[in-house]
Amino acid sequence: MHYLFVYHGGVVPEDQAEQNISDLWNWLDNLKARGYEKVRFAGFGRKTVSPHAVEDYQGDIFGVSVMEAESLEEAVSLTTDWPELQYGGKIEVFEALAADYPRSSSDAHILNLFADVRRQILDTLHGLPADKLDHIPPGFRNNMRWQAGHVLTVTDELIFQFSGAGSRIPAEYKTWFASGTDPSGWSDAPPEIDVLLRRLEGQMAEIGDAFEGRLTHPVADQSNFLQAKTVGELFHVLIAHESLHLGMIQAMAKIL
C-alpha cells in the first residue's frame, strides 16, 4: 500500500538549522534504504501562481514523499523519529486505495496516487450537506464551492494546458477559482457545486485514461515556470497541490 507524506516545517532555532537539515536528509535516506520511500519531491523550485503574479512559495510545506507500507499504522509508525517533530513540525499521512484503480503500466503508482487523493476530496465534498457548501468557516477565506472549482481549474492548467492537450474547462473559470480569488470578489454567480463535482469526477477519469503511458513525454512548453520537462514532472506538482487542498477541505469540513 502506498502513502503520501506531506511535510510541514516547524520553527528551528538558527543555531540548529544546519544540523536539522542534515538530520532530515539522513532520516529520509534511511527510509529509502529500508525500502519504504519510493518517490521524493524535495522542496526546491516551488512557486505560487495567481492571476497577477508568479511568486516564490511562502507556505510551510517543504517536501512530499511517497511511502510504501503494509498498513496505515505502519506508515504512521515511520514518523515517530522525524527530526522536525521536536520543532513543532508535522507530517500529514494520506492512504492510497490503489486497488480501486488497477493499472499495469509503469506510470501506475503516480496515476493511482492522484486518483486516490482526488477521490478523498470528492468523498469529503459529497458527504457534506448542500446548504453548507457555500458557507465560509471561521478562519478561512473561501468556501467548499471555491475549493472544488480551484482544484478543477489548477489541475486543468497543470495537466491539460501545460502538457499541450488543451484546456477542458471554460476560460472564465479562472476569474472565479484561480489562486488569489475568493467568493467576496465574485461579480456574477459561479457554476453550481453539482456542476463542479461532475467536472471533478470527469477530469479524474480522463486524466487516468489520457496520460497512462505518457508521463515520460515532454511537455509542450519547455519554458514553463515550473521548469518541468516531462508530463510526469507536472504530476509531482499536481499531487502536492491536491494533497494541500484535501487537508484544507477536511479541516473546513470539521468546522462545518
C-alpha atoms as a PDB file:
ATOM      1  CA  MET A   1       0.000   0.000   0.000  1.00  0.00           C
ATOM      2  CA  HIS A   2       1.254   3.476  -0.863  1.00  0.00           C
ATOM      3  CA  TYR A   3       1.035   6.524   1.419  1.00  0.00           C
ATOM      4  CA  LEU A   4       1.643  10.204   0.774  1.00  0.00           C
ATOM      5  CA  PHE A   5       3.711  12.016   3.422  1.00  0.00           C
ATOM      6  CA  VAL A   6       3.333  15.816   3.330  1.00  0.00           C
ATOM      7  CA  TYR A   7       5.978  17.586   5.426  1.00  0.00           C
ATOM      8  CA  HIS A   8       5.148  20.839   7.245  1.00  0.00           C
ATOM      9  CA  GLY A   9       8.117  22.615   8.782  1.00  0.00           C
ATOM     10  CA  GLY A  10       8.422  23.737  12.360  1.00  0.00           C
ATOM     11  CA  VAL A  11      10.348  26.637  13.903  1.00  0.00           C
ATOM     12  CA  VAL A  12      14.009  25.633  14.061  1.00  0.00           C
ATOM     13  CA  PRO A  13      16.475  27.780  16.042  1.00  0.00           C
ATOM     14  CA  GLU A  14      19.047  29.343  13.756  1.00  0.00           C
ATOM     15  CA  ASP A  15      21.974  27.673  15.508  1.00  0.00           C
ATOM     16  CA  GLN A  16      20.370  24.253  14.974  1.00  0.00           C
ATOM     17  CA  ALA A  17      19.202  24.720  11.380  1.00  0.00           C
ATOM     18  CA  GLU A  18      22.212  23.154   9.670  1.00  0.00           C
ATOM     19  CA  GLN A  19      22.132  20.082  11.879  1.00  0.00           C
ATOM     20  CA  ASN A  20      18.377  19.758  11.416  1.00  0.00           C
ATOM     21  CA  ILE A  21      18.707  19.748   7.628  1.00  0.00           C
ATOM     22  CA  SER A  22      21.336  17.026   7.862  1.00  0.00           C
ATOM     23  CA  ASP A  23      19.121  15.002  10.205  1.00  0.00           C
ATOM     24  CA  LEU A  24      16.135  15.336   7.854  1.00  0.00           C
ATOM     25  CA  TRP A  25      18.065  14.040   4.849  1.00  0.00           C
ATOM     26  CA  ASN A  26      19.531  11.195   6.887  1.00  0.00           C
ATOM     27  CA  TRP A  27      16.033  10.254   8.085  1.00  0.00           C
ATOM     28  CA  LEU A  28      14.700  10.137   4.514  1.00  0.00           C
ATOM     29  CA  ASP A  29      17.746   8.265   3.214  1.00  0.00           C
ATOM     30  CA  ASN A  30      17.299   5.693   5.971  1.00  0.00           C
ATOM     31  CA  LEU A  31      13.663   5.100   4.978  1.00  0.00           C
ATOM     32  CA  LYS A  32      14.705   4.779   1.348  1.00  0.00           C
ATOM     33  CA  ALA A  33      17.435   2.282   2.219  1.00  0.00           C
ATOM     34  CA  ARG A  34      14.908   0.226   4.196  1.00  0.00           C
ATOM     35  CA  GLY A  35      12.576   0.114   1.187  1.00  0.00           C
ATOM     36  CA  TYR A  36       9.861   2.450   2.472  1.00  0.00           C
ATOM     37  CA  GLU A  37      10.415   5.638   0.490  1.00  0.00           C
ATOM     38  CA  LYS A  38       9.630   5.237  -3.223  1.00  0.00           C
ATOM     39  CA  VAL A  39       9.408   8.823  -4.508  1.00  0.00           C
ATOM     40  CA  ARG A  40      10.760  12.058  -3.029  1.00  0.00           C
ATOM     41  CA  PHE A  41       9.685  15.553  -4.032  1.00  0.00           C
ATOM     42  CA  ALA A  42      12.186  17.906  -2.417  1.00  0.00           C
ATOM     43  CA  GLY A  43      11.173  21.433  -1.545  1.00  0.00           C
ATOM     44  CA  PHE A  44      13.069  23.260  -4.264  1.00  0.00           C
ATOM     45  CA  GLY A  45      11.817  25.245  -7.249  1.00  0.00           C
ATOM     46  CA  ARG A  46       8.394  25.908  -5.714  1.00  0.00           C
ATOM     47  CA  LYS A  47       6.113  28.680  -6.952  1.00  0.00           C
ATOM     48  CA  THR A  48       2.696  30.124  -6.090  1.00  0.00           C
ATOM     49  CA  VAL A  49       0.659  31.141  -9.124  1.00  0.00           C
ATOM     50  CA  SER A  50      -2.058  33.815  -9.021  1.00  0.00           C
ATOM     51  CA  PRO A  51      -3.805  35.821 -11.774  1.00  0.00           C
ATOM     52  CA  HIS A  52      -1.408  38.684 -11.125  1.00  0.00           C
ATOM     53  CA  ALA A  53       1.976  37.114 -10.422  1.00  0.00           C
ATOM     54  CA  VAL A  54       4.161  34.067 -10.096  1.00  0.00           C
ATOM     55  CA  GLU A  55       5.826  34.267  -6.697  1.00  0.00           C
ATOM     56  CA  ASP A  56       8.104  32.154  -4.548  1.00  0.00           C
ATOM     57  CA  TYR A  57       6.101  29.730  -2.393  1.00  0.00           C
ATOM     58  CA  GLN A  58       5.796  31.034   1.175  1.00  0.00           C
ATOM     59  CA  GLY A  59       3.931  28.172   2.877  1.00  0.00           C
ATOM     60  CA  ASP A  60       5.282  25.671   5.372  1.00  0.00           C
ATOM     61  CA  ILE A  61       5.246  22.555   3.145  1.00  0.00           C
ATOM     62  CA  PHE A  62       8.849  21.781   2.285  1.00  0.00           C
ATOM     63  CA  GLY A  63       8.560  18.335   0.759  1.00  0.00           C
ATOM     64  CA  VAL A  64       6.433  15.324  -0.128  1.00  0.00           C
ATOM     65  CA  SER A  65       7.264  11.611  -0.183  1.00  0.00           C
ATOM     66  CA  VAL A  66       5.511   8.507  -1.458  1.00  0.00           C
ATOM     67  CA  MET A  67       5.997   5.688   1.048  1.00  0.00           C
ATOM     68  CA  GLU A  68       5.145   2.001   0.843  1.00  0.00           C
ATOM     69  CA  ALA A  69       3.981   0.198   3.986  1.00  0.00           C
ATOM     70  CA  GLU A  70       1.782  -2.732   4.955  1.00  0.00           C
ATOM     71  CA  SER A  71      -0.812  -0.582   6.739  1.00  0.00           C
ATOM     72  CA  LEU A  72      -1.664   2.956   7.797  1.00  0.00           C
ATOM     73  CA  GLU A  73      -0.482   2.093  11.287  1.00  0.00           C
ATOM     74  CA  GLU A  74       2.928   1.041   9.975  1.00  0.00           C
ATOM     75  CA  ALA A  75       3.142   4.193   7.845  1.00  0.00           C
ATOM     76  CA  VAL A  76       2.373   6.389  10.868  1.00  0.00           C
ATOM     77  CA  SER A  77       4.961   4.495  12.938  1.00  0.00           C
ATOM     78  CA  LEU A  78       7.645   5.593  10.479  1.00  0.00           C
ATOM     79  CA  THR A  79       7.119   9.223  11.508  1.00  0.00           C
ATOM     80  CA  THR A  80       7.840   8.872  15.234  1.00  0.00           C
ATOM     81  CA  ASP A  81      11.524   9.823  14.925  1.00  0.00           C
ATOM     82  CA  TRP A  82      11.101  12.517  12.274  1.00  0.00           C
ATOM     83  CA  PRO A  83      13.612  15.217  13.323  1.00  0.00           C
ATOM     84  CA  GLU A  84      11.263  18.161  12.671  1.00  0.00           C
ATOM     85  CA  LEU A  85       8.699  16.999  15.258  1.00  0.00           C
ATOM     86  CA  GLN A  86      10.735  18.457  18.114  1.00  0.00           C
ATOM     87  CA  TYR A  87      10.432  21.899  16.500  1.00  0.00           C
ATOM     88  CA  GLY A  88       6.653  21.801  16.024  1.00  0.00           C
ATOM     89  CA  GLY A  89       6.651  20.355  12.511  1.00  0.00           C
ATOM     90  CA  LYS A  90       4.011  17.881  11.409  1.00  0.00           C
ATOM     91  CA  ILE A  91       3.512  15.193   8.782  1.00  0.00           C
ATOM     92  CA  GLU A  92       0.187  14.546   7.074  1.00  0.00           C
ATOM     93  CA  VAL A  93      -0.213  10.901   6.018  1.00  0.00           C
ATOM     94  CA  PHE A  94      -2.687  10.009   3.241  1.00  0.00           C
ATOM     95  CA  GLU A  95      -3.534   6.420   2.428  1.00  0.00           C
ATOM     96  CA  ALA A  96      -3.798   5.303  -1.195  1.00  0.00           C
ATOM     97  CA  LEU A  97      -6.557   2.995  -2.382  1.00  0.00           C
ATOM     98  CA  ALA A  98      -4.752   1.612  -5.400  1.00  0.00           C
ATOM     99  CA  ALA A  99      -6.963  -1.472  -5.577  1.00  0.00           C
ATOM    100  CA  ASP A 100      -9.806   0.759  -6.760  1.00  0.00           C
ATOM    101  CA  TYR A 101      -7.773   1.896  -9.754  1.00  0.00           C
ATOM    102  CA  PRO A 102      -5.872  -1.123 -11.114  1.00  0.00           C
ATOM    103  CA  ARG A 103      -3.285  -0.296 -13.764  1.00  0.00           C
ATOM    104  CA  SER A 104      -0.491  -2.247 -15.386  1.00  0.00           C
ATOM    105  CA  SER A 105       1.841   0.426 -16.733  1.00  0.00           C
ATOM    106  CA  SER A 106       4.984   1.799 -15.125  1.00  0.00           C
ATOM    107  CA  ASP A 107       3.069   5.038 -14.546  1.00  0.00           C
ATOM    108  CA  ALA A 108       0.586   3.255 -12.268  1.00  0.00           C
ATOM    109  CA  HIS A 109       1.701   4.477  -8.863  1.00  0.00           C
ATOM    110  CA  ILE A 110       1.682   8.156  -9.908  1.00  0.00           C
ATOM    111  CA  LEU A 111      -1.735   7.989 -11.578  1.00  0.00           C
ATOM    112  CA  ASN A 112      -3.147   5.908  -8.731  1.00  0.00           C
ATOM    113  CA  LEU A 113      -1.833   8.391  -6.180  1.00  0.00           C
ATOM    114  CA  PHE A 114      -3.502  11.281  -7.969  1.00  0.00           C
ATOM    115  CA  ALA A 115      -6.786   9.347  -8.218  1.00  0.00           C
ATOM    116  CA  ASP A 116      -6.676   8.390  -4.539  1.00  0.00           C
ATOM    117  CA  VAL A 117      -6.228  11.985  -3.357  1.00  0.00           C
ATOM    118  CA  ARG A 118      -8.907  13.229  -5.774  1.00  0.00           C
ATOM    119  CA  ARG A 119     -11.326  10.535  -4.593  1.00  0.00           C
ATOM    120  CA  GLN A 120     -10.840  11.644  -0.969  1.00  0.00           C
ATOM    121  CA  ILE A 121     -11.615  15.239  -1.993  1.00  0.00           C
ATOM    122  CA  LEU A 122     -14.789  14.127  -3.752  1.00  0.00           C
ATOM    123  CA  ASP A 123     -15.892  11.852  -0.913  1.00  0.00           C
ATOM    124  CA  THR A 124     -15.493  14.691   1.595  1.00  0.00           C
ATOM    125  CA  LEU A 125     -17.450  17.152  -0.547  1.00  0.00           C
ATOM    126  CA  HIS A 126     -20.218  14.645  -1.337  1.00  0.00           C
ATOM    127  CA  GLY A 127     -20.550  13.905   2.376  1.00  0.00           C
ATOM    128  CA  LEU A 128     -21.431  17.472   3.349  1.00  0.00           C
ATOM    129  CA  PRO A 129     -24.966  18.914   3.463  1.00  0.00           C
ATOM    130  CA  ALA A 130     -25.716  21.035   0.399  1.00  0.00           C
ATOM    131  CA  ASP A 131     -26.538  24.102   2.499  1.00  0.00           C
ATOM    132  CA  LYS A 132     -23.016  24.096   3.975  1.00  0.00           C
ATOM    133  CA  LEU A 133     -21.061  24.168   0.728  1.00  0.00           C
ATOM    134  CA  ASP A 134     -21.270  27.954   0.263  1.00  0.00           C
ATOM    135  CA  HIS A 135     -20.594  28.754   3.915  1.00  0.00           C
ATOM    136  CA  ILE A 136     -17.151  30.152   4.758  1.00  0.00           C
ATOM    137  CA  PRO A 137     -15.946  28.674   8.081  1.00  0.00           C
ATOM    138  CA  PRO A 138     -14.252  30.915  10.668  1.00  0.00           C
ATOM    139  CA  GLY A 139     -10.547  31.257   9.956  1.00  0.00           C
ATOM    140  CA  PHE A 140     -10.922  30.625   6.213  1.00  0.00           C
ATOM    141  CA  ARG A 141     -11.481  32.980   3.266  1.00  0.00           C
ATOM    142  CA  ASN A 142     -13.098  30.501   0.878  1.00  0.00           C
ATOM    143  CA  ASN A 143     -15.981  28.051   0.824  1.00  0.00           C
ATOM    144  CA  MET A 144     -16.278  24.494  -0.484  1.00  0.00           C
ATOM    145  CA  ARG A 145     -17.582  25.625  -3.868  1.00  0.00           C
ATOM    146  CA  TRP A 146     -14.401  27.668  -4.324  1.00  0.00           C
ATOM    147  CA  GLN A 147     -12.258  24.736  -3.196  1.00  0.00           C
ATOM    148  CA  ALA A 148     -13.908  22.425  -5.760  1.00  0.00           C
ATOM    149  CA  GLY A 149     -13.581  24.970  -8.565  1.00  0.00           C
ATOM    150  CA  HIS A 150      -9.996  25.832  -7.633  1.00  0.00           C
ATOM    151  CA  VAL A 151      -8.829  22.200  -7.668  1.00  0.00           C
ATOM    152  CA  LEU A 152     -10.544  21.708 -11.031  1.00  0.00           C
ATOM    153  CA  THR A 153      -9.070  24.884 -12.547  1.00  0.00           C
ATOM    154  CA  VAL A 154      -5.484  24.401 -11.382  1.00  0.00           C
ATOM    155  CA  THR A 155      -5.469  20.754 -12.489  1.00  0.00           C
ATOM    156  CA  ASP A 156      -6.732  21.774 -15.921  1.00  0.00           C
ATOM    157  CA  GLU A 157      -3.861  24.218 -16.268  1.00  0.00           C
ATOM    158  CA  LEU A 158      -1.123  21.992 -14.852  1.00  0.00           C
ATOM    159  CA  ILE A 159      -2.017  18.819 -16.716  1.00  0.00           C
ATOM    160  CA  PHE A 160      -4.045  19.600 -19.812  1.00  0.00           C
ATOM    161  CA  GLN A 161      -2.671  23.009 -20.763  1.00  0.00           C
ATOM    162  CA  PHE A 162       0.986  22.568 -19.819  1.00  0.00           C
ATOM    163  CA  SER A 163       1.123  19.112 -21.411  1.00  0.00           C
ATOM    164  CA  GLY A 164      -0.192  20.533 -24.676  1.00  0.00           C
ATOM    165  CA  ALA A 165      -3.502  18.645 -24.594  1.00  0.00           C
ATOM    166  CA  GLY A 166      -5.544  21.857 -24.331  1.00  0.00           C
ATOM    167  CA  SER A 167      -7.944  23.161 -21.697  1.00  0.00           C
ATOM    168  CA  ARG A 168     -11.115  21.224 -20.894  1.00  0.00           C
ATOM    169  CA  ILE A 169     -12.942  23.957 -18.973  1.00  0.00           C
ATOM    170  CA  PRO A 170     -14.355  27.414 -19.859  1.00  0.00           C
ATOM    171  CA  ALA A 171     -11.804  30.232 -19.665  1.00  0.00           C
ATOM    172  CA  GLU A 172     -13.955  32.196 -17.200  1.00  0.00           C
ATOM    173  CA  TYR A 173     -13.371  29.583 -14.500  1.00  0.00           C
ATOM    174  CA  LYS A 174     -10.099  31.377 -13.732  1.00  0.00           C
ATOM    175  CA  THR A 175     -11.989  34.556 -12.805  1.00  0.00           C
ATOM    176  CA  TRP A 176     -13.765  32.644 -10.030  1.00  0.00           C
ATOM    177  CA  PHE A 177     -11.277  29.990  -8.951  1.00  0.00           C
ATOM    178  CA  ALA A 178      -7.677  30.971  -9.764  1.00  0.00           C
ATOM    179  CA  SER A 179      -5.162  31.381  -6.942  1.00  0.00           C
ATOM    180  CA  GLY A 180      -5.769  34.643  -5.108  1.00  0.00           C
ATOM    181  CA  THR A 181      -9.511  34.731  -5.786  1.00  0.00           C
ATOM    182  CA  ASP A 182     -12.271  34.263  -3.224  1.00  0.00           C
ATOM    183  CA  PRO A 183     -16.090  34.444  -3.127  1.00  0.00           C
ATOM    184  CA  SER A 184     -16.090  38.071  -1.987  1.00  0.00           C
ATOM    185  CA  GLY A 185     -14.767  39.019  -5.434  1.00  0.00           C
ATOM    186  CA  TRP A 186     -17.370  37.131  -7.469  1.00  0.00           C
ATOM    187  CA  SER A 187     -19.292  39.703  -9.541  1.00  0.00           C
ATOM    188  CA  ASP A 188     -21.549  37.039 -11.035  1.00  0.00           C
ATOM    189  CA  ALA A 189     -22.570  33.562  -9.957  1.00  0.00           C
ATOM    190  CA  PRO A 190     -20.031  30.779 -10.498  1.00  0.00           C
ATOM    191  CA  PRO A 191     -21.080  27.278 -11.631  1.00  0.00           C
ATOM    192  CA  GLU A 192     -23.259  25.315  -9.227  1.00  0.00           C
ATOM    193  CA  ILE A 193     -21.488  22.876  -6.921  1.00  0.00           C
ATOM    194  CA  ASP A 194     -23.119  19.898  -8.649  1.00  0.00           C
ATOM    195  CA  VAL A 195     -21.604  21.007 -11.957  1.00  0.00           C
ATOM    196  CA  LEU A 196     -18.168  21.334 -10.368  1.00  0.00           C
ATOM    197  CA  LEU A 197     -18.370  17.924  -8.719  1.00  0.00           C
ATOM    198  CA  ARG A 198     -19.323  16.286 -12.011  1.00  0.00           C
ATOM    199  CA  ARG A 199     -16.414  18.017 -13.723  1.00  0.00           C
ATOM    200  CA  LEU A 200     -14.028  16.862 -10.983  1.00  0.00           C
ATOM    201  CA  GLU A 201     -15.212  13.275 -11.467  1.00  0.00           C
ATOM    202  CA  GLY A 202     -14.882  13.510 -15.235  1.00  0.00           C
ATOM    203  CA  GLN A 203     -11.481  15.172 -15.018  1.00  0.00           C
ATOM    204  CA  MET A 204     -10.177  12.383 -12.784  1.00  0.00           C
ATOM    205  CA  ALA A 205     -11.375   9.713 -15.212  1.00  0.00           C
ATOM    206  CA  GLU A 206      -9.997  11.498 -18.278  1.00  0.00           C
ATOM    207  CA  ILE A 207      -6.578  12.001 -16.697  1.00  0.00           C
ATOM    208  CA  GLY A 208      -6.391   8.306 -15.839  1.00  0.00           C
ATOM    209  CA  ASP A 209      -7.244   7.321 -19.411  1.00  0.00           C
ATOM    210  CA  ALA A 210      -5.343  10.004 -21.299  1.00  0.00           C
ATOM    211  CA  PHE A 211      -1.999  10.013 -19.502  1.00  0.00           C
ATOM    212  CA  GLU A 212      -1.291   6.359 -18.829  1.00  0.00           C
ATOM    213  CA  GLY A 213       1.981   5.604 -20.585  1.00  0.00           C
ATOM    214  CA  ARG A 214       2.624   9.298 -21.284  1.00  0.00           C
ATOM    215  CA  LEU A 215       4.389  10.504 -18.141  1.00  0.00           C
ATOM    216  CA  THR A 216       7.780  10.421 -19.847  1.00  0.00           C
ATOM    217  CA  HIS A 217       6.527  12.539 -22.761  1.00  0.00           C
ATOM    218  CA  PRO A 218       7.920  16.090 -22.981  1.00  0.00           C
ATOM    219  CA  VAL A 219       5.681  18.992 -22.028  1.00  0.00           C
ATOM    220  CA  ALA A 220       4.505  21.303 -24.796  1.00  0.00           C
ATOM    221  CA  ASP A 221       6.133  24.435 -23.372  1.00  0.00           C
ATOM    222  CA  GLN A 222       9.668  23.697 -22.207  1.00  0.00           C
ATOM    223  CA  SER A 223       9.948  27.255 -20.808  1.00  0.00           C
ATOM    224  CA  ASN A 224       7.054  26.769 -18.336  1.00  0.00           C
ATOM    225  CA  PHE A 225       7.524  28.466 -14.969  1.00  0.00           C
ATOM    226  CA  LEU A 226       7.651  25.079 -13.192  1.00  0.00           C
ATOM    227  CA  GLN A 227      10.704  24.169 -15.280  1.00  0.00           C
ATOM    228  CA  ALA A 228       9.030  20.797 -15.854  1.00  0.00           C
ATOM    229  CA  LYS A 229      10.454  18.872 -18.791  1.00  0.00           C
ATOM    230  CA  THR A 230       8.108  15.863 -18.799  1.00  0.00           C
ATOM    231  CA  VAL A 231       4.423  15.247 -18.105  1.00  0.00           C
ATOM    232  CA  GLY A 232       5.430  13.152 -15.095  1.00  0.00           C
ATOM    233  CA  GLU A 233       7.088  16.168 -13.501  1.00  0.00           C
ATOM    234  CA  LEU A 234       3.785  18.043 -13.829  1.00  0.00           C
ATOM    235  CA  PHE A 235       2.126  15.285 -11.798  1.00  0.00           C
ATOM    236  CA  HIS A 236       4.621  15.837  -8.974  1.00  0.00           C
ATOM    237  CA  VAL A 237       3.273  19.374  -8.560  1.00  0.00           C
ATOM    238  CA  LEU A 238      -0.324  18.280  -9.121  1.00  0.00           C
ATOM    239  CA  ILE A 239      -0.288  15.665  -6.350  1.00  0.00           C
ATOM    240  CA  ALA A 240       1.261  18.094  -3.875  1.00  0.00           C
ATOM    241  CA  HIS A 241      -1.373  20.728  -4.758  1.00  0.00           C
ATOM    242  CA  GLU A 242      -4.312  18.334  -4.462  1.00  0.00           C
ATOM    243  CA  SER A 243      -2.964  17.000  -1.156  1.00  0.00           C
ATOM    244  CA  LEU A 244      -2.689  20.527   0.218  1.00  0.00           C
ATOM    245  CA  HIS A 245      -6.311  21.306  -0.661  1.00  0.00           C
ATOM    246  CA  LEU A 246      -7.512  17.933   0.621  1.00  0.00           C
ATOM    247  CA  GLY A 247      -6.119  18.968   4.011  1.00  0.00           C
ATOM    248  CA  MET A 248      -7.891  22.335   3.799  1.00  0.00           C
ATOM    249  CA  ILE A 249     -11.189  20.736   2.763  1.00  0.00           C
ATOM    250  CA  GLN A 250     -11.025  18.219   5.599  1.00  0.00           C
ATOM    251  CA  ALA A 251     -10.228  20.966   8.112  1.00  0.00           C
ATOM    252  CA  MET A 252     -13.139  23.080   6.845  1.00  0.00           C
ATOM    253  CA  ALA A 253     -15.473  20.082   6.929  1.00  0.00           C
ATOM    254  CA  LYS A 254     -14.763  19.563  10.630  1.00  0.00           C
ATOM    255  CA  ILE A 255     -15.916  23.113  11.374  1.00  0.00           C
ATOM    256  CA  LEU A 256     -18.968  22.932   9.128  1.00  0.00           C
END
